[in-house]
Amino acid sequence: MTSALVYIGAALAEIAGCFTFWAWLRLDKSPWWVAPGIGSLCLFAYLLTLVEADNAGRAYAAYGGVYIVSAVLWLWVAEGAKPDRWDLIGAAICLVGAAIILWGPRAA
């Protein structure tokens, strides 16, 4: 499984899990929304262990950029709020940073 696919799956699981708490506490949904959210957050944590990286911190740092892009997509697709140019520029910069962290040349 490639790191990119793992990161995308982890981002979807994290955003979905966090959104269940948002829905419960900010949108007055039932507390039962949180139950699948907890499972989704556990899946997120598990998926990050599958990333091909020697160090957890580096894997998590690179994931941050993917998460930001995914959150902007969530904003648009799930919440119906179209991202503005600043959202898109910021997300692109973060994704470039994530790629540098994950795939930059390392001394052996």
PDB file of N, CA and C in Angstrom:
ATOM      1  N   MET A   1       0.855  -1.180   0.000  1.00  0.00           N
ATOM      2  CA  MET A   1       0.000   0.000   0.000  1.00  0.00           C
ATOM      3  C   MET A   1       0.899   1.241   0.000  1.00  0.00           C
ATOM      4  N   THR A   2       0.654   2.152  -0.883  1.00  0.00           N
ATOM      5  CA  THR A   2       1.513   3.321  -0.952  1.00  0.00           C
ATOM      6  C   THR A   2       1.190   4.301   0.168  1.00  0.00           C
ATOM      7  N   SER A   3       2.198   5.074   0.514  1.00  0.00           N
ATOM      8  CA  SER A   3       2.009   6.061   1.583  1.00  0.00           C
ATOM      9  C   SER A   3       0.902   7.051   1.250  1.00  0.00           C
ATOM     10  N   ALA A   4       0.820   7.463  -0.008  1.00  0.00           N
ATOM     11  CA  ALA A   4      -0.208   8.446  -0.387  1.00  0.00           C
ATOM     12  C   ALA A   4      -1.610   7.910  -0.121  1.00  0.00           C
ATOM     13  N   LEU A   5      -1.860   6.650  -0.486  1.00  0.00           N
ATOM     14  CA  LEU A   5      -3.189   6.071  -0.249  1.00  0.00           C
ATOM     15  C   LEU A   5      -3.477   5.925   1.240  1.00  0.00           C
ATOM     16  N   VAL A   6      -2.459   5.546   2.001  1.00  0.00           N
ATOM     17  CA  VAL A   6      -2.631   5.427   3.448  1.00  0.00           C
ATOM     18  C   VAL A   6      -2.966   6.787   4.046  1.00  0.00           C
ATOM     19  N   TYR A   7      -2.236   7.816   3.627  1.00  0.00           N
ATOM     20  CA  TYR A   7      -2.488   9.159   4.143  1.00  0.00           C
ATOM     21  C   TYR A   7      -3.891   9.638   3.792  1.00  0.00           C
ATOM     22  N   ILE A   8      -4.336   9.359   2.591  1.00  0.00           N
ATOM     23  CA  ILE A   8      -5.682   9.775   2.190  1.00  0.00           C
ATOM     24  C   ILE A   8      -6.733   9.053   3.036  1.00  0.00           C
ATOM     25  N   GLY A   9      -6.564   7.757   3.214  1.00  0.00           N
ATOM     26  CA  GLY A   9      -7.492   7.003   4.061  1.00  0.00           C
ATOM     27  C   GLY A   9      -7.480   7.500   5.494  1.00  0.00           C
ATOM     28  N   ALA A  10      -6.287   7.773   6.022  1.00  0.00           N
ATOM     29  CA  ALA A  10      -6.170   8.281   7.390  1.00  0.00           C
ATOM     30  C   ALA A  10      -6.853   9.637   7.522  1.00  0.00           C
ATOM     31  N   ALA A  11      -6.668  10.491   6.535  1.00  0.00           N
ATOM     32  CA  ALA A  11      -7.277  11.823   6.591  1.00  0.00           C
ATOM     33  C   ALA A  11      -8.798  11.728   6.582  1.00  0.00           C
ATOM     34  N   LEU A  12      -9.336  10.877   5.724  1.00  0.00           N
ATOM     35  CA  LEU A  12     -10.797  10.717   5.686  1.00  0.00           C
ATOM     36  C   LEU A  12     -11.315  10.171   7.011  1.00  0.00           C
ATOM     37  N   ALA A  13     -10.592   9.200   7.566  1.00  0.00           N
ATOM     38  CA  ALA A  13     -11.022   8.627   8.846  1.00  0.00           C
ATOM     39  C   ALA A  13     -10.949   9.662   9.967  1.00  0.00           C
ATOM     40  N   GLU A  14      -9.882  10.468   9.983  1.00  0.00           N
ATOM     41  CA  GLU A  14      -9.753  11.469  11.041  1.00  0.00           C
ATOM     42  C   GLU A  14     -10.811  12.559  10.914  1.00  0.00           C
ATOM     43  N   ILE A  15     -10.987  13.065   9.720  1.00  0.00           N
ATOM     44  CA  ILE A  15     -11.966  14.133   9.527  1.00  0.00           C
ATOM     45  C   ILE A  15     -13.374  13.638   9.852  1.00  0.00           C
ATOM     46  N   ALA A  16     -13.712  12.451   9.379  1.00  0.00           N
ATOM     47  CA  ALA A  16     -15.039  11.903   9.667  1.00  0.00           C
ATOM     48  C   ALA A  16     -15.232  11.708  11.167  1.00  0.00           C
ATOM     49  N   GLY A  17     -14.210  11.179  11.838  1.00  0.00           N
ATOM     50  CA  GLY A  17     -14.300  10.976  13.279  1.00  0.00           C
ATOM     51  C   GLY A  17     -14.446  12.285  14.040  1.00  0.00           C
ATOM     52  N   CYS A  18     -13.641  13.259  13.671  1.00  0.00           N
ATOM     53  CA  CYS A  18     -13.733  14.561  14.342  1.00  0.00           C
ATOM     54  C   CYS A  18     -15.062  15.252  14.045  1.00  0.00           C
ATOM     55  N   PHE A  19     -15.560  15.071  12.819  1.00  0.00           N
ATOM     56  CA  PHE A  19     -16.823  15.711  12.456  1.00  0.00           C
ATOM     57  C   PHE A  19     -17.983  15.180  13.291  1.00  0.00           C
ATOM     58  N   THR A  20     -17.902  13.916  13.723  1.00  0.00           N
ATOM     59  CA  THR A  20     -18.991  13.398  14.551  1.00  0.00           C
ATOM     60  C   THR A  20     -19.096  14.165  15.865  1.00  0.00           C
ATOM     61  N   PHE A  21     -17.945  14.535  16.420  1.00  0.00           N
ATOM     62  CA  PHE A  21     -17.964  15.353  17.641  1.00  0.00           C
ATOM     63  C   PHE A  21     -18.486  16.758  17.335  1.00  0.00           C
ATOM     64  N   TRP A  22     -18.082  17.313  16.206  1.00  0.00           N
ATOM     65  CA  TRP A  22     -18.570  18.630  15.776  1.00  0.00           C
ATOM     66  C   TRP A  22     -20.092  18.586  15.637  1.00  0.00           C
ATOM     67  N   ALA A  23     -20.581  17.535  14.984  1.00  0.00           N
ATOM     68  CA  ALA A  23     -22.028  17.415  14.771  1.00  0.00           C
ATOM     69  C   ALA A  23     -22.766  17.311  16.098  1.00  0.00           C
ATOM     70  N   TRP A  24     -22.229  16.543  17.020  1.00  0.00           N
ATOM     71  CA  TRP A  24     -22.862  16.381  18.339  1.00  0.00           C
ATOM     72  C   TRP A  24     -22.848  17.687  19.119  1.00  0.00           C
ATOM     73  N   LEU A  25     -21.685  18.324  19.215  1.00  0.00           N
ATOM     74  CA  LEU A  25     -21.540  19.482  20.095  1.00  0.00           C
ATOM     75  C   LEU A  25     -21.911  20.819  19.455  1.00  0.00           C
ATOM     76  N   ARG A  26     -21.810  20.920  18.138  1.00  0.00           N
ATOM     77  CA  ARG A  26     -22.075  22.212  17.496  1.00  0.00           C
ATOM     78  C   ARG A  26     -23.348  22.220  16.655  1.00  0.00           C
ATOM     79  N   LEU A  27     -23.768  21.040  16.204  1.00  0.00           N
ATOM     80  CA  LEU A  27     -24.952  20.967  15.351  1.00  0.00           C
ATOM     81  C   LEU A  27     -26.126  20.293  16.045  1.00  0.00           C
ATOM     82  N   ASP A  28     -25.972  20.064  17.351  1.00  0.00           N
ATOM     83  CA  ASP A  28     -27.037  19.471  18.173  1.00  0.00           C
ATOM     84  C   ASP A  28     -27.523  18.112  17.680  1.00  0.00           C
ATOM     85  N   LYS A  29     -26.614  17.310  17.146  1.00  0.00           N
ATOM     86  CA  LYS A  29     -26.957  15.943  16.770  1.00  0.00           C
ATOM     87  C   LYS A  29     -26.910  15.069  18.019  1.00  0.00           C
ATOM     88  N   SER A  30     -27.441  13.871  17.907  1.00  0.00           N
ATOM     89  CA  SER A  30     -27.468  12.926  19.016  1.00  0.00           C
ATOM     90  C   SER A  30     -26.043  12.552  19.449  1.00  0.00           C
ATOM     91  N   PRO A  31     -25.838  12.327  20.745  1.00  0.00           N
ATOM     92  CA  PRO A  31     -24.521  11.848  21.207  1.00  0.00           C
ATOM     93  C   PRO A  31     -24.128  10.518  20.572  1.00  0.00           C
ATOM     94  N   TRP A  32     -25.083   9.793  20.028  1.00  0.00           N
ATOM     95  CA  TRP A  32     -24.781   8.521  19.368  1.00  0.00           C
ATOM     96  C   TRP A  32     -23.928   8.713  18.116  1.00  0.00           C
ATOM     97  N   TRP A  33     -23.875   9.921  17.607  1.00  0.00           N
ATOM     98  CA  TRP A  33     -22.998  10.223  16.470  1.00  0.00           C
ATOM     99  C   TRP A  33     -21.537   9.933  16.816  1.00  0.00           C
ATOM    100  N   VAL A  34     -21.204  10.051  18.096  1.00  0.00           N
ATOM    101  CA  VAL A  34     -19.811   9.908  18.520  1.00  0.00           C
ATOM    102  C   VAL A  34     -19.326   8.455  18.429  1.00  0.00           C
ATOM    103  N   ALA A  35     -20.209   7.495  18.600  1.00  0.00           N
ATOM    104  CA  ALA A  35     -19.802   6.076  18.595  1.00  0.00           C
ATOM    105  C   ALA A  35     -19.066   5.688  17.308  1.00  0.00           C
ATOM    106  N   PRO A  36     -19.629   5.922  16.124  1.00  0.00           N
ATOM    107  CA  PRO A  36     -18.857   5.588  14.926  1.00  0.00           C
ATOM    108  C   PRO A  36     -17.640   6.499  14.753  1.00  0.00           C
ATOM    109  N   GLY A  37     -17.726   7.694  15.309  1.00  0.00           N
ATOM    110  CA  GLY A  37     -16.586   8.612  15.237  1.00  0.00           C
ATOM    111  C   GLY A  37     -15.374   8.075  15.968  1.00  0.00           C
ATOM    112  N   ILE A  38     -15.593   7.453  17.108  1.00  0.00           N
ATOM    113  CA  ILE A  38     -14.488   6.860  17.866  1.00  0.00           C
ATOM    114  C   ILE A  38     -13.849   5.734  17.055  1.00  0.00           C
ATOM    115  N   GLY A  39     -14.663   4.913  16.427  1.00  0.00           N
ATOM    116  CA  GLY A  39     -14.126   3.859  15.566  1.00  0.00           C
ATOM    117  C   GLY A  39     -13.331   4.429  14.405  1.00  0.00           C
ATOM    118  N   SER A  40     -13.831   5.509  13.844  1.00  0.00           N
ATOM    119  CA  SER A  40     -13.144   6.156  12.738  1.00  0.00           C
ATOM    120  C   SER A  40     -11.792   6.724  13.181  1.00  0.00           C
ATOM    121  N   LEU A  41     -11.745   7.289  14.375  1.00  0.00           N
ATOM    122  CA  LEU A  41     -10.481   7.825  14.887  1.00  0.00           C
ATOM    123  C   LEU A  41      -9.484   6.707  15.193  1.00  0.00           C
ATOM    124  N   CYS A  42      -9.968   5.556  15.636  1.00  0.00           N
ATOM    125  CA  CYS A  42      -9.084   4.394  15.839  1.00  0.00           C
ATOM    126  C   CYS A  42      -8.523   3.915  14.500  1.00  0.00           C
ATOM    127  N   LEU A  43      -9.359   3.892  13.475  1.00  0.00           N
ATOM    128  CA  LEU A  43      -8.897   3.517  12.138  1.00  0.00           C
ATOM    129  C   LEU A  43      -7.827   4.488  11.656  1.00  0.00           C
ATOM    130  N   PHE A  44      -8.036   5.763  11.873  1.00  0.00           N
ATOM    131  CA  PHE A  44      -7.045   6.789  11.514  1.00  0.00           C
ATOM    132  C   PHE A  44      -5.695   6.489  12.154  1.00  0.00           C
ATOM    133  N   ALA A  45      -5.687   6.223  13.446  1.00  0.00           N
ATOM    134  CA  ALA A  45      -4.435   5.954  14.148  1.00  0.00           C
ATOM    135  C   ALA A  45      -3.763   4.695  13.604  1.00  0.00           C
ATOM    136  N   TYR A  46      -4.539   3.664  13.340  1.00  0.00           N
ATOM    137  CA  TYR A  46      -3.986   2.437  12.788  1.00  0.00           C
ATOM    138  C   TYR A  46      -3.369   2.683  11.411  1.00  0.00           C
ATOM    139  N   LEU A  47      -4.087   3.393  10.548  1.00  0.00           N
ATOM    140  CA  LEU A  47      -3.598   3.618   9.194  1.00  0.00           C
ATOM    141  C   LEU A  47      -2.246   4.323   9.188  1.00  0.00           C
ATOM    142  N   LEU A  48      -2.041   5.250  10.107  1.00  0.00           N
ATOM    143  CA  LEU A  48      -0.751   5.954  10.124  1.00  0.00           C
ATOM    144  C   LEU A  48       0.406   5.020  10.445  1.00  0.00           C
ATOM    145  N   THR A  49       0.139   3.886  11.079  1.00  0.00           N
ATOM    146  CA  THR A  49       1.224   2.934  11.343  1.00  0.00           C
ATOM    147  C   THR A  49       1.654   2.198  10.079  1.00  0.00           C
ATOM    148  N   LEU A  50       0.881   2.286   9.014  1.00  0.00           N
ATOM    149  CA  LEU A  50       1.197   1.593   7.769  1.00  0.00           C
ATOM    150  C   LEU A  50       2.063   2.421   6.822  1.00  0.00           C
ATOM    151  N   VAL A  51       2.319   3.668   7.157  1.00  0.00           N
ATOM    152  CA  VAL A  51       3.109   4.544   6.296  1.00  0.00           C
ATOM    153  C   VAL A  51       4.549   4.057   6.248  1.00  0.00           C
ATOM    154  N   GLU A  52       5.109   4.086   5.053  1.00  0.00           N
ATOM    155  CA  GLU A  52       6.490   3.670   4.864  1.00  0.00           C
ATOM    156  C   GLU A  52       7.429   4.807   5.266  1.00  0.00           C
ATOM    157  N   ALA A  53       7.728   4.878   6.555  1.00  0.00           N
ATOM    158  CA  ALA A  53       8.643   5.883   7.092  1.00  0.00           C
ATOM    159  C   ALA A  53       9.393   5.264   8.258  1.00  0.00           C
ATOM    160  N   ASP A  54      10.627   5.682   8.445  1.00  0.00           N
ATOM    161  CA  ASP A  54      11.441   5.126   9.525  1.00  0.00           C
ATOM    162  C   ASP A  54      11.080   5.704  10.892  1.00  0.00           C
ATOM    163  N   ASN A  55      10.500   6.892  10.903  1.00  0.00           N
ATOM    164  CA  ASN A  55      10.202   7.564  12.164  1.00  0.00           C
ATOM    165  C   ASN A  55       8.750   8.016  12.199  1.00  0.00           C
ATOM    166  N   ALA A  56       8.124   7.805  13.342  1.00  0.00           N
ATOM    167  CA  ALA A  56       6.725   8.207  13.497  1.00  0.00           C
ATOM    168  C   ALA A  56       6.560   9.715  13.319  1.00  0.00           C
ATOM    169  N   GLY A  57       7.450  10.488  13.895  1.00  0.00           N
ATOM    170  CA  GLY A  57       7.339  11.943  13.800  1.00  0.00           C
ATOM    171  C   GLY A  57       7.365  12.437  12.371  1.00  0.00           C
ATOM    172  N   ARG A  58       8.220  11.838  11.551  1.00  0.00           N
ATOM    173  CA  ARG A  58       8.282  12.236  10.139  1.00  0.00           C
ATOM    174  C   ARG A  58       7.005  11.838   9.420  1.00  0.00           C
ATOM    175  N   ALA A  59       6.496  10.657   9.712  1.00  0.00           N
ATOM    176  CA  ALA A  59       5.239  10.218   9.094  1.00  0.00           C
ATOM    177  C   ALA A  59       4.101  11.151   9.483  1.00  0.00           C
ATOM    178  N   TYR A  60       4.051  11.543  10.750  1.00  0.00           N
ATOM    179  CA  TYR A  60       2.979  12.431  11.218  1.00  0.00           C
ATOM    180  C   TYR A  60       3.113  13.830  10.625  1.00  0.00           C
ATOM    181  N   ALA A  61       4.350  14.319  10.516  1.00  0.00           N
ATOM    182  CA  ALA A  61       4.571  15.654   9.955  1.00  0.00           C
ATOM    183  C   ALA A  61       4.133  15.703   8.495  1.00  0.00           C
ATOM    184  N   ALA A  62       4.503  14.681   7.737  1.00  0.00           N
ATOM    185  CA  ALA A  62       4.100  14.639   6.333  1.00  0.00           C
ATOM    186  C   ALA A  62       2.584  14.498   6.213  1.00  0.00           C
ATOM    187  N   TYR A  63       1.988  13.733   7.103  1.00  0.00           N
ATOM    188  CA  TYR A  63       0.540  13.559   7.097  1.00  0.00           C
ATOM    189  C   TYR A  63      -0.188  14.894   7.267  1.00  0.00           C
ATOM    190  N   GLY A  64       0.397  15.794   8.022  1.00  0.00           N
ATOM    191  CA  GLY A  64      -0.245  17.078   8.272  1.00  0.00           C
ATOM    192  C   GLY A  64      -0.641  17.802   6.996  1.00  0.00           C
ATOM    193  N   GLY A  65       0.219  17.773   5.999  1.00  0.00           N
ATOM    194  CA  GLY A  65      -0.102  18.429   4.727  1.00  0.00           C
ATOM    195  C   GLY A  65      -1.265  17.763   4.021  1.00  0.00           C
ATOM    196  N   VAL A  66      -1.281  16.438   4.040  1.00  0.00           N
ATOM    197  CA  VAL A  66      -2.378  15.692   3.415  1.00  0.00           C
ATOM    198  C   VAL A  66      -3.681  15.978   4.161  1.00  0.00           C
ATOM    199  N   TYR A  67      -3.612  16.052   5.481  1.00  0.00           N
ATOM    200  CA  TYR A  67      -4.801  16.342   6.273  1.00  0.00           C
ATOM    201  C   TYR A  67      -5.377  17.712   5.903  1.00  0.00           C
ATOM    202  N   ILE A  68      -4.525  18.695   5.750  1.00  0.00           N
ATOM    203  CA  ILE A  68      -5.002  20.040   5.424  1.00  0.00           C
ATOM    204  C   ILE A  68      -5.721  20.054   4.081  1.00  0.00           C
ATOM    205  N   VAL A  69      -5.141  19.408   3.078  1.00  0.00           N
ATOM    206  CA  VAL A  69      -5.799  19.333   1.771  1.00  0.00           C
ATOM    207  C   VAL A  69      -7.139  18.605   1.893  1.00  0.00           C
ATOM    208  N   SER A  70      -7.151  17.514   2.646  1.00  0.00           N
ATOM    209  CA  SER A  70      -8.392  16.755   2.841  1.00  0.00           C
ATOM    210  C   SER A  70      -9.444  17.585   3.564  1.00  0.00           C
ATOM    211  N   ALA A  71      -9.024  18.383   4.528  1.00  0.00           N
ATOM    212  CA  ALA A  71      -9.970  19.222   5.264  1.00  0.00           C
ATOM    213  C   ALA A  71     -10.597  20.275   4.347  1.00  0.00           C
ATOM    214  N   VAL A  72      -9.793  20.828   3.438  1.00  0.00           N
ATOM    215  CA  VAL A  72     -10.335  21.797   2.486  1.00  0.00           C
ATOM    216  C   VAL A  72     -11.325  21.114   1.548  1.00  0.00           C
ATOM    217  N   LEU A  73     -11.020  19.882   1.138  1.00  0.00           N
ATOM    218  CA  LEU A  73     -11.972  19.132   0.310  1.00  0.00           C
ATOM    219  C   LEU A  73     -13.247  18.810   1.087  1.00  0.00           C
ATOM    220  N   TRP A  74     -13.100  18.469   2.359  1.00  0.00           N
ATOM    221  CA  TRP A  74     -14.272  18.210   3.216  1.00  0.00           C
ATOM    222  C   TRP A  74     -15.142  19.461   3.300  1.00  0.00           C
ATOM    223  N   LEU A  75     -14.502  20.608   3.481  1.00  0.00           N
ATOM    224  CA  LEU A  75     -15.198  21.887   3.529  1.00  0.00           C
ATOM    225  C   LEU A  75     -16.104  22.030   2.309  1.00  0.00           C
ATOM    226  N   TRP A  76     -15.572  21.674   1.161  1.00  0.00           N
ATOM    227  CA  TRP A  76     -16.293  21.851  -0.094  1.00  0.00           C
ATOM    228  C   TRP A  76     -17.347  20.762  -0.309  1.00  0.00           C
ATOM    229  N   VAL A  77     -16.936  19.490  -0.194  1.00  0.00           N
ATOM    230  CA  VAL A  77     -17.823  18.376  -0.537  1.00  0.00           C
ATOM    231  C   VAL A  77     -18.875  18.120   0.547  1.00  0.00           C
ATOM    232  N   ALA A  78     -18.438  18.024   1.798  1.00  0.00           N
ATOM    233  CA  ALA A  78     -19.360  17.633   2.873  1.00  0.00           C
ATOM    234  C   ALA A  78     -20.143  18.814   3.441  1.00  0.00           C
ATOM    235  N   GLU A  79     -19.505  19.986   3.457  1.00  0.00           N
ATOM    236  CA  GLU A  79     -20.171  21.130   4.071  1.00  0.00           C
ATOM    237  C   GLU A  79     -20.716  22.134   3.064  1.00  0.00           C
ATOM    238  N   GLY A  80     -20.402  21.957   1.800  1.00  0.00           N
ATOM    239  CA  GLY A  80     -20.952  22.809   0.762  1.00  0.00           C
ATOM    240  C   GLY A  80     -20.413  24.222   0.723  1.00  0.00           C
ATOM    241  N   ALA A  81     -19.260  24.460   1.363  1.00  0.00           N
ATOM    242  CA  ALA A  81     -18.639  25.788   1.339  1.00  0.00           C
ATOM    243  C   ALA A  81     -17.462  25.752   0.373  1.00  0.00           C
ATOM    244  N   LYS A  82     -17.553  26.493  -0.689  1.00  0.00           N
ATOM    245  CA  LYS A  82     -16.505  26.480  -1.709  1.00  0.00           C
ATOM    246  C   LYS A  82     -15.232  27.134  -1.160  1.00  0.00           C
ATOM    247  N   PRO A  83     -14.099  26.433  -1.246  1.00  0.00           N
ATOM    248  CA  PRO A  83     -12.838  27.024  -0.780  1.00  0.00           C
ATOM    249  C   PRO A  83     -12.477  28.248  -1.620  1.00  0.00           C
ATOM    250  N   ASP A  84     -11.902  29.257  -0.976  1.00  0.00           N
ATOM    251  CA  ASP A  84     -11.447  30.425  -1.728  1.00  0.00           C
ATOM    252  C   ASP A  84      -9.993  30.216  -2.152  1.00  0.00           C
ATOM    253  N   ARG A  85      -9.446  31.182  -2.862  1.00  0.00           N
ATOM    254  CA  ARG A  85      -8.083  31.016  -3.385  1.00  0.00           C
ATOM    255  C   ARG A  85      -7.067  30.870  -2.270  1.00  0.00           C
ATOM    256  N   TRP A  86      -7.301  31.496  -1.123  1.00  0.00           N
ATOM    257  CA  TRP A  86      -6.359  31.403  -0.010  1.00  0.00           C
ATOM    258  C   TRP A  86      -6.376  30.014   0.613  1.00  0.00           C
ATOM    259  N   ASP A  87      -7.552  29.404   0.667  1.00  0.00           N
ATOM    260  CA  ASP A  87      -7.643  28.013   1.110  1.00  0.00           C
ATOM    261  C   ASP A  87      -6.823  27.116   0.189  1.00  0.00           C
ATOM    262  N   LEU A  88      -6.992  27.319  -1.121  1.00  0.00           N
ATOM    263  CA  LEU A  88      -6.320  26.471  -2.101  1.00  0.00           C
ATOM    264  C   LEU A  88      -4.810  26.702  -2.127  1.00  0.00           C
ATOM    265  N   ILE A  89      -4.398  27.948  -2.058  1.00  0.00           N
ATOM    266  CA  ILE A  89      -2.962  28.250  -2.043  1.00  0.00           C
ATOM    267  C   ILE A  89      -2.315  27.683  -0.787  1.00  0.00           C
ATOM    268  N   GLY A  90      -2.935  27.894   0.353  1.00  0.00           N
ATOM    269  CA  GLY A  90      -2.392  27.372   1.604  1.00  0.00           C
ATOM    270  C   GLY A  90      -2.307  25.861   1.607  1.00  0.00           C
ATOM    271  N   ALA A  91      -3.348  25.194   1.095  1.00  0.00           N
ATOM    272  CA  ALA A  91      -3.344  23.732   1.037  1.00  0.00           C
ATOM    273  C   ALA A  91      -2.244  23.230   0.103  1.00  0.00           C
ATOM    274  N   ALA A  92      -2.058  23.887  -1.019  1.00  0.00           N
ATOM    275  CA  ALA A  92      -1.008  23.477  -1.966  1.00  0.00           C
ATOM    276  C   ALA A  92       0.374  23.613  -1.340  1.00  0.00           C
ATOM    277  N   ILE A  93       0.608  24.697  -0.636  1.00  0.00           N
ATOM    278  CA  ILE A  93       1.896  24.893   0.034  1.00  0.00           C
ATOM    279  C   ILE A  93       2.128  23.789   1.060  1.00  0.00           C
ATOM    280  N   CYS A  94       1.104  23.453   1.819  1.00  0.00           N
ATOM    281  CA  CYS A  94       1.231  22.388   2.825  1.00  0.00           C
ATOM    282  C   CYS A  94       1.521  21.045   2.182  1.00  0.00           C
ATOM    283  N   LEU A  95       0.894  20.769   1.049  1.00  0.00           N
ATOM    284  CA  LEU A  95       1.119  19.503   0.364  1.00  0.00           C
ATOM    285  C   LEU A  95       2.551  19.407  -0.163  1.00  0.00           C
ATOM    286  N   VAL A  96       3.072  20.505  -0.668  1.00  0.00           N
ATOM    287  CA  VAL A  96       4.477  20.524  -1.106  1.00  0.00           C
ATOM    288  C   VAL A  96       5.387  20.270   0.096  1.00  0.00           C
ATOM    289  N   GLY A  97       5.101  20.907   1.217  1.00  0.00           N
ATOM    290  CA  GLY A  97       5.895  20.678   2.425  1.00  0.00           C
ATOM    291  C   GLY A  97       5.840  19.231   2.873  1.00  0.00           C
ATOM    292  N   ALA A  98       4.675  18.623   2.809  1.00  0.00           N
ATOM    293  CA  ALA A  98       4.531  17.215   3.191  1.00  0.00           C
ATOM    294  C   ALA A  98       5.379  16.324   2.279  1.00  0.00           C
ATOM    295  N   ALA A  99       5.371  16.604   0.986  1.00  0.00           N
ATOM    296  CA  ALA A  99       6.165  15.811   0.040  1.00  0.00           C
ATOM    297  C   ALA A  99       7.657  15.950   0.329  1.00  0.00           C
ATOM    298  N   ILE A 100       8.103  17.139   0.651  1.00  0.00           N
ATOM    299  CA  ILE A 100       9.509  17.350   0.978  1.00  0.00           C
ATOM    300  C   ILE A 100       9.890  16.560   2.227  1.00  0.00           C
ATOM    301  N   ILE A 101       9.050  16.612   3.232  1.00  0.00           N
ATOM    302  CA  ILE A 101       9.329  15.881   4.479  1.00  0.00           C
ATOM    303  C   ILE A 101       9.385  14.380   4.222  1.00  0.00           C
ATOM    304  N   LEU A 102       8.430  13.855   3.466  1.00  0.00           N
ATOM    305  CA  LEU A 102       8.338  12.413   3.275  1.00  0.00           C
ATOM    306  C   LEU A 102       9.373  11.879   2.290  1.00  0.00           C
ATOM    307  N   TRP A 103       9.576  12.570   1.188  1.00  0.00           N
ATOM    308  CA  TRP A 103      10.411  12.014   0.127  1.00  0.00           C
ATOM    309  C   TRP A 103      11.729  12.742  -0.104  1.00  0.00           C
ATOM    310  N   GLY A 104      12.056  13.715   0.735  1.00  0.00           N
ATOM    311  CA  GLY A 104      13.332  14.407   0.598  1.00  0.00           C
ATOM    312  C   GLY A 104      14.496  13.450   0.787  1.00  0.00           C
ATOM    313  N   PRO A 105      15.611  13.711   0.107  1.00  0.00           N
ATOM    314  CA  PRO A 105      16.765  12.807   0.257  1.00  0.00           C
ATOM    315  C   PRO A 105      17.299  12.840   1.692  1.00  0.00           C
ATOM    316  N   ARG A 106      17.628  11.682   2.184  1.00  0.00           N
ATOM    317  CA  ARG A 106      18.147  11.550   3.549  1.00  0.00           C
ATOM    318  C   ARG A 106      19.556  10.991   3.492  1.00  0.00           C
ATOM    319  N   ALA A 107      20.372  11.438   4.416  1.00  0.00           N
ATOM    320  CA  ALA A 107      21.722  10.864   4.528  1.00  0.00           C
ATOM    321  C   ALA A 107      21.582   9.451   5.082  1.00  0.00           C
ATOM    322  N   ALA A 108      22.364   8.556   4.534  1.00  0.00           N
ATOM    323  CA  ALA A 108      22.269   7.146   4.960  1.00  0.00           C
ATOM    324  C   ALA A 108      22.855   6.899   6.310  1.00  0.00           C
TER     325      ALA A 108
END
